[in-house]
C-alpha atoms as a PDB file:
ATOM      1  CA  MET A   1     223.406-151.129 177.733  1.00  0.00           C
ATOM      2  CA  LYS A   2     221.719-148.862 180.233  1.00  0.00           C
ATOM      3  CA  SER A   3     221.452-149.703 183.932  1.00  0.00           C
ATOM      4  CA  ILE A   4     218.685-148.215 186.086  1.00  0.00           C
ATOM      5  CA  LYS A   5     218.719-148.950 189.804  1.00  0.00           C
ATOM      6  CA  ASN A   6     216.959-147.946 192.992  1.00  0.00           C
ATOM      7  CA  GLU A   7     219.913-146.434 194.823  1.00  0.00           C
ATOM      8  CA  LYS A   8     217.833-145.369 197.827  1.00  0.00           C
ATOM      9  CA  LEU A   9     216.562-148.894 198.420  1.00  0.00           C
ATOM     10  CA  ILE A  10     220.048-150.379 198.012  1.00  0.00           C
ATOM     11  CA  LYS A  11     221.528-147.924 200.517  1.00  0.00           C
ATOM     12  CA  ARG A  12     218.685-148.348 203.017  1.00  0.00           C
ATOM     13  CA  ASN A  13     218.713-152.148 202.913  1.00  0.00           C
ATOM     14  CA  GLY A  14     222.499-152.213 203.123  1.00  0.00           C
ATOM     15  CA  GLN A  15     222.322-150.165 206.323  1.00  0.00           C
ATOM     16  CA  ILE A  16     219.569-152.405 207.685  1.00  0.00           C
ATOM     17  CA  GLY A  17     221.832-155.393 207.081  1.00  0.00           C
ATOM     18  CA  GLN A  18     224.719-153.723 208.940  1.00  0.00           C
ATOM     19  CA  TRP A  19     222.659-152.669 211.954  1.00  0.00           C
ATOM     20  CA  THR A  20     220.870-156.018 212.113  1.00  0.00           C
ATOM     21  CA  SER A  21     224.181-157.885 212.099  1.00  0.00           C
ATOM     22  CA  LEU A  22     225.489-155.619 214.881  1.00  0.00           C
ATOM     23  CA  ALA A  23     222.331-156.169 216.911  1.00  0.00           C
ATOM     24  CA  ALA A  24     222.697-159.919 216.408  1.00  0.00           C
ATOM     25  CA  LEU A  25     226.204-159.870 217.870  1.00  0.00           C
ATOM     26  CA  ILE A  26     225.031-157.911 220.897  1.00  0.00           C
ATOM     27  CA  VAL A  27     222.049-160.177 221.541  1.00  0.00           C
ATOM     28  CA  LEU A  28     224.104-163.350 221.050  1.00  0.00           C
ATOM     29  CA  GLY A  29     226.781-161.994 223.378  1.00  0.00           C
ATOM     30  CA  LEU A  30     224.139-161.199 225.984  1.00  0.00           C
ATOM     31  CA  GLY A  31     222.689-164.682 225.678  1.00  0.00           C
ATOM     32  CA  MET A  32     226.107-166.288 226.117  1.00  0.00           C
ATOM     33  CA  TYR A  33     226.874-164.056 229.105  1.00  0.00           C
ATOM     34  CA  ILE A  34     223.620-164.990 230.831  1.00  0.00           C
ATOM     35  CA  SER A  35     224.132-168.711 230.152  1.00  0.00           C
ATOM     36  CA  PHE A  36     227.549-168.653 231.870  1.00  0.00           C
ATOM     37  CA  THR A  37     226.787-166.327 234.758  1.00  0.00           C
ATOM     38  CA  ARG A  38     223.097-166.838 235.614  1.00  0.00           C
ATOM     39  CA  THR A  39     222.037-170.431 235.223  1.00  0.00           C
ATOM     40  CA  ASP A  40     218.719-169.560 236.879  1.00  0.00           C
ATOM     41  CA  LEU A  41     217.912-167.387 233.848  1.00  0.00           C
ATOM     42  CA  PHE A  42     218.425-170.155 231.317  1.00  0.00           C
ATOM     43  CA  VAL A  43     215.091-169.428 229.575  1.00  0.00           C
ATOM     44  CA  TYR A  44     216.147-165.824 228.939  1.00  0.00           C
ATOM     45  CA  SER A  45     219.498-166.989 227.678  1.00  0.00           C
ATOM     46  CA  LEU A  46     217.840-169.390 225.235  1.00  0.00           C
ATOM     47  CA  ALA A  47     215.456-166.670 224.062  1.00  0.00           C
ATOM     48  CA  ALA A  48     218.359-164.286 223.458  1.00  0.00           C
ATOM     49  CA  LEU A  49     220.251-166.921 221.470  1.00  0.00           C
ATOM     50  CA  LEU A  50     217.195-167.637 219.307  1.00  0.00           C
ATOM     51  CA  VAL A  51     216.600-163.940 218.662  1.00  0.00           C
ATOM     52  CA  GLY A  52     220.286-163.432 217.915  1.00  0.00           C
ATOM     53  CA  PHE A  53     220.300-166.323 215.453  1.00  0.00           C
ATOM     54  CA  THR A  54     217.236-164.897 213.688  1.00  0.00           C
ATOM     55  CA  LEU A  55     218.844-161.460 213.469  1.00  0.00           C
ATOM     56  CA  THR A  56     222.009-163.068 212.103  1.00  0.00           C
ATOM     57  CA  GLN A  57     220.015-164.724 209.322  1.00  0.00           C
ATOM     58  CA  ILE A  58     218.330-161.431 208.425  1.00  0.00           C
ATOM     59  CA  GLY A  59     221.612-159.524 208.534  1.00  0.00           C
ATOM     60  CA  MET A  60     223.346-162.040 206.272  1.00  0.00           C
ATOM     61  CA  TYR A  61     220.425-162.058 203.839  1.00  0.00           C
ATOM     62  CA  MET A  62     220.406-158.273 203.539  1.00  0.00           C
ATOM     63  CA  GLY A  63     224.185-158.017 203.521  1.00  0.00           C
ATOM     64  CA  ASN A  64     224.603-160.545 200.712  1.00  0.00           C
ATOM     65  CA  ARG A  65     222.180-158.656 198.485  1.00  0.00           C
ATOM     66  CA  TYR A  66     222.742-155.019 199.360  1.00  0.00           C
ATOM     67  CA  GLY A  67     225.940-154.669 201.385  1.00  0.00           C
ATOM     68  CA  ARG A  68     228.453-157.067 199.860  1.00  0.00           C
ATOM     69  CA  SER A  69     230.862-155.470 197.379  1.00  0.00           C
ATOM     70  CA  PRO A  70     230.572-155.989 194.517  1.00  0.00           C
ATOM     71  CA  ARG A  71     226.832-156.324 194.941  1.00  0.00           C
ATOM     72  CA  PRO A  72     224.713-158.599 192.697  1.00  0.00           C
ATOM     73  CA  ASP A  73     223.517-155.617 190.643  1.00  0.00           C
ATOM     74  CA  GLU A  74     227.113-154.468 190.103  1.00  0.00           C
ATOM     75  CA  LYS A  75     228.173-157.963 189.028  1.00  0.00           C
ATOM     76  CA  LEU A  76     225.307-158.228 186.547  1.00  0.00           C
ATOM     77  CA  ASP A  77     226.130-154.802 185.125  1.00  0.00           C
ATOM     78  CA  ALA A  78     229.756-155.856 184.650  1.00  0.00           C
ATOM     79  CA  GLY A  79     228.773-159.161 183.035  1.00  0.00           C
ATOM     80  CA  LEU A  80     226.407-157.475 180.576  1.00  0.00           C
ATOM     81  CA  LYS A  81     228.610-154.494 179.802  1.00  0.00           C
ATOM     82  CA  GLY A  82     228.972-154.098 176.048  1.00  0.00           C
ATOM     83  CA  LEU A  83     225.453-155.094 175.012  1.00  0.00           C
ATOM     84  CA  GLN A  84     223.848-152.755 172.502  1.00  0.00           C
ATOM     85  CA  ASN A  85     222.083-149.623 173.688  1.00  0.00           C
ATOM     86  CA  GLU A  86     218.605-151.109 173.239  1.00  0.00           C
ATOM     87  CA  PHE A  87     219.154-153.248 176.338  1.00  0.00           C
ATOM     88  CA  VAL A  88     218.131-151.842 179.713  1.00  0.00           C
ATOM     89  CA  ILE A  89     218.552-153.624 183.042  1.00  0.00           C
ATOM     90  CA  TYR A  90     216.399-152.555 185.980  1.00  0.00           C
ATOM     91  CA  HIS A  91     217.675-153.247 189.503  1.00  0.00           C
ATOM     92  CA  TYR A  92     215.076-153.105 192.311  1.00  0.00           C
ATOM     93  CA  MET A  93     212.863-150.861 190.171  1.00  0.00           C
ATOM     94  CA  THR A  94     210.174-153.415 189.292  1.00  0.00           C
ATOM     95  CA  PRO A  95     208.454-156.392 190.963  1.00  0.00           C
ATOM     96  CA  ALA A  96     211.482-158.386 189.740  1.00  0.00           C
ATOM     97  CA  SER A  97     214.750-157.525 191.498  1.00  0.00           C
ATOM     98  CA  HIS A  98     216.821-157.725 188.302  1.00  0.00           C
ATOM     99  CA  LEU A  99     215.015-157.316 184.983  1.00  0.00           C
ATOM    100  CA  LEU A 100     216.660-157.173 181.554  1.00  0.00           C
ATOM    101  CA  VAL A 101     214.656-155.726 178.660  1.00  0.00           C
ATOM    102  CA  GLY A 102     215.944-155.565 175.104  1.00  0.00           C
ATOM    103  CA  PRO A 103     216.162-157.240 171.692  1.00  0.00           C
ATOM    104  CA  ALA A 104     216.557-160.644 173.410  1.00  0.00           C
ATOM    105  CA  GLY A 105     213.190-160.225 175.121  1.00  0.00           C
ATOM    106  CA  VAL A 106     212.167-159.680 178.732  1.00  0.00           C
ATOM    107  CA  TRP A 107     214.259-161.637 181.238  1.00  0.00           C
ATOM    108  CA  VAL A 108     214.188-161.916 185.023  1.00  0.00           C
ATOM    109  CA  LEU A 109     217.743-162.587 186.212  1.00  0.00           C
ATOM    110  CA  HIS A 110     218.270-164.399 189.511  1.00  0.00           C
ATOM    111  CA  PRO A 111     221.918-164.073 190.669  1.00  0.00           C
ATOM    112  CA  TYR A 112     223.722-166.502 192.992  1.00  0.00           C
ATOM    113  CA  HIS A 113     227.217-166.035 194.410  1.00  0.00           C
ATOM    114  CA  GLN A 114     227.710-169.624 195.606  1.00  0.00           C
ATOM    115  CA  ARG A 115     230.656-171.810 194.664  1.00  0.00           C
ATOM    116  CA  GLY A 116     230.567-175.564 194.084  1.00  0.00           C
ATOM    117  CA  LYS A 117     228.522-177.805 191.813  1.00  0.00           C
ATOM    118  CA  VAL A 118     224.991-176.971 190.723  1.00  0.00           C
ATOM    119  CA  THR A 119     222.831-179.811 189.431  1.00  0.00           C
ATOM    120  CA  TYR A 120     219.259-180.213 188.280  1.00  0.00           C
ATOM    121  CA  LYS A 121     217.925-183.755 188.558  1.00  0.00           C
ATOM    122  CA  LYS A 122     214.487-185.218 189.188  1.00  0.00           C
ATOM    123  CA  ASN A 123     212.890-181.772 189.150  1.00  0.00           C
ATOM    124  CA  ARG A 124     215.140-180.477 191.922  1.00  0.00           C
ATOM    125  CA  TRP A 125     218.029-178.030 192.079  1.00  0.00           C
ATOM    126  CA  ARG A 126     220.928-179.009 194.301  1.00  0.00           C
ATOM    127  CA  MET A 127     224.142-177.345 195.434  1.00  0.00           C
ATOM    128  CA  SER A 128     227.162-179.330 196.614  1.00  0.00           C
ATOM    129  CA  GLY A 129     230.846-178.746 197.271  1.00  0.00           C
ATOM    130  CA  GLY A 130     232.299-175.285 197.702  1.00  0.00           C
ATOM    131  CA  GLY A 131     234.413-176.096 200.749  1.00  0.00           C
ATOM    132  CA  PHE A 132     233.806-176.311 204.497  1.00  0.00           C
ATOM    133  CA  LEU A 133     232.619-172.726 204.955  1.00  0.00           C
ATOM    134  CA  GLN A 134     229.982-172.963 202.278  1.00  0.00           C
ATOM    135  CA  GLY A 135     228.842-176.323 203.615  1.00  0.00           C
ATOM    136  CA  TYR A 136     228.501-174.735 207.045  1.00  0.00           C
ATOM    137  CA  MET A 137     226.518-171.849 205.579  1.00  0.00           C
ATOM    138  CA  ARG A 138     224.198-174.222 203.700  1.00  0.00           C
ATOM    139  CA  PHE A 139     223.492-175.976 206.995  1.00  0.00           C
ATOM    140  CA  PHE A 140     222.109-172.693 208.314  1.00  0.00           C
ATOM    141  CA  GLY A 141     220.115-171.988 205.162  1.00  0.00           C
ATOM    142  CA  GLN A 142     222.308-169.256 203.713  1.00  0.00           C
ATOM    143  CA  GLU A 143     224.073-170.903 200.795  1.00  0.00           C
ATOM    144  CA  GLY A 144     221.573-173.371 199.374  1.00  0.00           C
ATOM    145  CA  LEU A 145     219.727-172.804 196.117  1.00  0.00           C
ATOM    146  CA  GLY A 146     216.321-173.177 197.693  1.00  0.00           C
ATOM    147  CA  ARG A 147     213.476-173.365 195.171  1.00  0.00           C
ATOM    148  CA  PRO A 148     214.383-171.101 192.233  1.00  0.00           C
ATOM    149  CA  ASP A 149     211.128-171.961 190.446  1.00  0.00           C
ATOM    150  CA  ILE A 150     209.031-170.668 193.341  1.00  0.00           C
ATOM    151  CA  GLU A 151     211.242-167.617 193.929  1.00  0.00           C
ATOM    152  CA  LEU A 152     211.145-166.649 190.254  1.00  0.00           C
ATOM    153  CA  ASP A 153     207.387-167.127 190.027  1.00  0.00           C
ATOM    154  CA  SER A 154     207.007-164.769 192.984  1.00  0.00           C
ATOM    155  CA  GLU A 155     208.705-162.102 190.840  1.00  0.00           C
ATOM    156  CA  ILE A 156     207.317-162.972 187.402  1.00  0.00           C
ATOM    157  CA  SER A 157     203.636-163.100 188.412  1.00  0.00           C
ATOM    158  CA  PRO A 158     203.481-159.572 189.898  1.00  0.00           C
ATOM    159  CA  LEU A 159     205.612-158.292 187.015  1.00  0.00           C
ATOM    160  CA  LYS A 160     203.075-159.636 184.508  1.00  0.00           C
ATOM    161  CA  LYS A 161     200.248-157.997 186.460  1.00  0.00           C
ATOM    162  CA  HIS A 162     202.098-154.692 186.541  1.00  0.00           C
ATOM    163  CA  LEU A 163     202.750-154.739 182.796  1.00  0.00           C
ATOM    164  CA  ALA A 164     199.189-155.844 182.069  1.00  0.00           C
ATOM    165  CA  LYS A 165     197.838-152.798 183.922  1.00  0.00           C
ATOM    166  CA  GLN A 166     199.968-150.478 181.826  1.00  0.00           C
ATOM    167  CA  MET A 167     199.904-152.245 178.451  1.00  0.00           C
ATOM    168  CA  GLY A 168     196.865-154.492 178.412  1.00  0.00           C
ATOM    169  CA  GLU A 169     197.081-158.196 179.204  1.00  0.00           C
ATOM    170  CA  ASP A 170     197.191-159.300 175.559  1.00  0.00           C
ATOM    171  CA  GLN A 171     200.141-156.982 174.855  1.00  0.00           C
ATOM    172  CA  VAL A 172     202.517-158.339 177.527  1.00  0.00           C
ATOM    173  CA  PRO A 173     205.375-160.239 175.838  1.00  0.00           C
ATOM    174  CA  PRO A 174     206.638-163.575 177.242  1.00  0.00           C
ATOM    175  CA  ILE A 175     208.717-163.160 180.391  1.00  0.00           C
ATOM    176  CA  GLN A 176     211.597-165.583 180.732  1.00  0.00           C
ATOM    177  CA  ALA A 177     214.003-166.279 183.577  1.00  0.00           C
ATOM    178  CA  MET A 178     217.618-167.266 184.104  1.00  0.00           C
ATOM    179  CA  LEU A 179     219.783-168.315 187.033  1.00  0.00           C
ATOM    180  CA  VAL A 180     223.107-166.468 186.948  1.00  0.00           C
ATOM    181  CA  PHE A 181     226.074-167.733 188.966  1.00  0.00           C
ATOM    182  CA  THR A 182     228.516-164.917 189.565  1.00  0.00           C
ATOM    183  CA  SER A 183     231.435-167.003 190.871  1.00  0.00           C
ATOM    184  CA  ASP A 184     233.916-168.568 188.472  1.00  0.00           C
ATOM    185  CA  GLU A 185     234.321-171.400 190.998  1.00  0.00           C
ATOM    186  CA  VAL A 186     231.060-173.053 190.053  1.00  0.00           C
ATOM    187  CA  GLU A 187     230.254-176.069 187.900  1.00  0.00           C
ATOM    188  CA  ILE A 188     226.795-176.300 186.355  1.00  0.00           C
ATOM    189  CA  ASP A 189     225.126-179.551 185.335  1.00  0.00           C
ATOM    190  CA  ALA A 190     221.587-178.504 184.438  1.00  0.00           C
ATOM    191  CA  ALA A 191     221.068-179.394 180.786  1.00  0.00           C
ATOM    192  CA  ASP A 192     217.544-180.704 181.514  1.00  0.00           C
ATOM    193  CA  ALA A 193     216.487-177.745 183.642  1.00  0.00           C
ATOM    194  CA  PRO A 194     213.304-175.873 182.664  1.00  0.00           C
ATOM    195  CA  LEU A 195     215.216-172.589 182.614  1.00  0.00           C
ATOM    196  CA  PRO A 196     218.807-171.674 181.731  1.00  0.00           C
ATOM    197  CA  ALA A 197     221.464-171.602 184.435  1.00  0.00           C
ATOM    198  CA  MET A 198     224.708-169.941 183.393  1.00  0.00           C
ATOM    199  CA  LYS A 199     227.928-168.436 184.635  1.00  0.00           C
ATOM    200  CA  LEU A 200     228.074-164.656 184.651  1.00  0.00           C
ATOM    201  CA  LYS A 201     230.839-164.617 182.045  1.00  0.00           C
ATOM    202  CA  ASP A 202     228.610-166.429 179.533  1.00  0.00           C
ATOM    203  CA  ILE A 203     225.400-164.439 179.705  1.00  0.00           C
ATOM    204  CA  LYS A 204     226.386-161.537 177.459  1.00  0.00           C
ATOM    205  CA  GLU A 205     227.036-163.823 174.497  1.00  0.00           C
ATOM    206  CA  PHE A 206     223.818-165.715 175.278  1.00  0.00           C
ATOM    207  CA  PHE A 207     221.740-162.545 175.022  1.00  0.00           C
ATOM    208  CA  ARG A 208     223.539-161.433 171.881  1.00  0.00           C
ATOM    209  CA  LYS A 209     222.574-164.710 170.225  1.00  0.00           C
ATOM    210  CA  LYS A 210     219.024-164.443 171.510  1.00  0.00           C
ATOM    211  CA  ALA A 211     218.733-160.945 170.081  1.00  0.00           C
ATOM    212  CA  LYS A 212     219.583-162.269 166.606  1.00  0.00           C
ATOM    213  CA  GLU A 213     216.550-164.552 166.828  1.00  0.00           C
ATOM    214  CA  LYS A 214     214.377-161.413 167.166  1.00  0.00           C
ATOM    215  CA  PRO A 215     211.952-162.800 169.780  1.00  0.00           C
ATOM    216  CA  ILE A 216     210.496-159.336 170.389  1.00  0.00           C
ATOM    217  CA  SER A 217     209.855-156.336 168.154  1.00  0.00           C
ATOM    218  CA  GLN A 218     211.246-152.868 168.712  1.00  0.00           C
ATOM    219  CA  MET A 219     207.709-151.625 169.289  1.00  0.00           C
ATOM    220  CA  GLN A 220     207.217-154.194 172.063  1.00  0.00           C
ATOM    221  CA  ILE A 221     210.531-153.251 173.646  1.00  0.00           C
ATOM    222  CA  GLU A 222     209.557-149.591 173.770  1.00  0.00           C
ATOM    223  CA  ALA A 223     206.100-150.450 175.123  1.00  0.00           C
ATOM    224  CA  VAL A 224     207.594-152.482 177.969  1.00  0.00           C
ATOM    225  CA  LYS A 225     210.091-149.744 178.795  1.00  0.00           C
ATOM    226  CA  ALA A 226     207.300-147.155 178.815  1.00  0.00           C
ATOM    227  CA  ALA A 227     205.189-149.351 181.111  1.00  0.00           C
ATOM    228  CA  LEU A 228     208.087-149.776 183.520  1.00  0.00           C
ATOM    229  CA  SER A 229     208.629-146.037 183.692  1.00  0.00           C
ATOM    230  CA  GLU A 230     205.072-145.480 184.945  1.00  0.00           C
END
């Protein structure tokens, strides 16, 4: 399997995450200092705390995706290592952050690092467990699953448009999606989900089996790869 990634973007966003997190600490510290020493400037203190919290959220978001080691792209590469040479995974090179193209078809991969129990019931994804720290992080919007269907559609739709421009709309093969959980400390109960949700350690065998079903021709694979290189 070949891995192609946008190293410049990864490095830049990783640095943005670091500097944003540092700025958040400074602003939060300033807000706390003002709140304890200048009660007459309470409004400024509150503003600083709100700005600091926002910067913290941005820093954590960027750090989780581009600064944390191993990064999501590195974990996906490791999990898929050993697939035949026809497979290519594109990291931050297309409208989809992580795109796998090969004999198993065209797949948008959406990685999660959370621990705990993942369930899909009544058309909703939920995350529970994972310990106190993860519960705390979910409270601040950092560790929840959010709406994977909406997030994936925001990647799949522009990807289809991009391929259609290069290949022609009637030539674009089906684009599928998968949620990939990179932690071994996760339990998945999503048999009725509209898209597969799997542990990282299981995805290589999944794509090997899919490839045997021959959902896409070699000519289509090469056409998609050529379109993505434009």
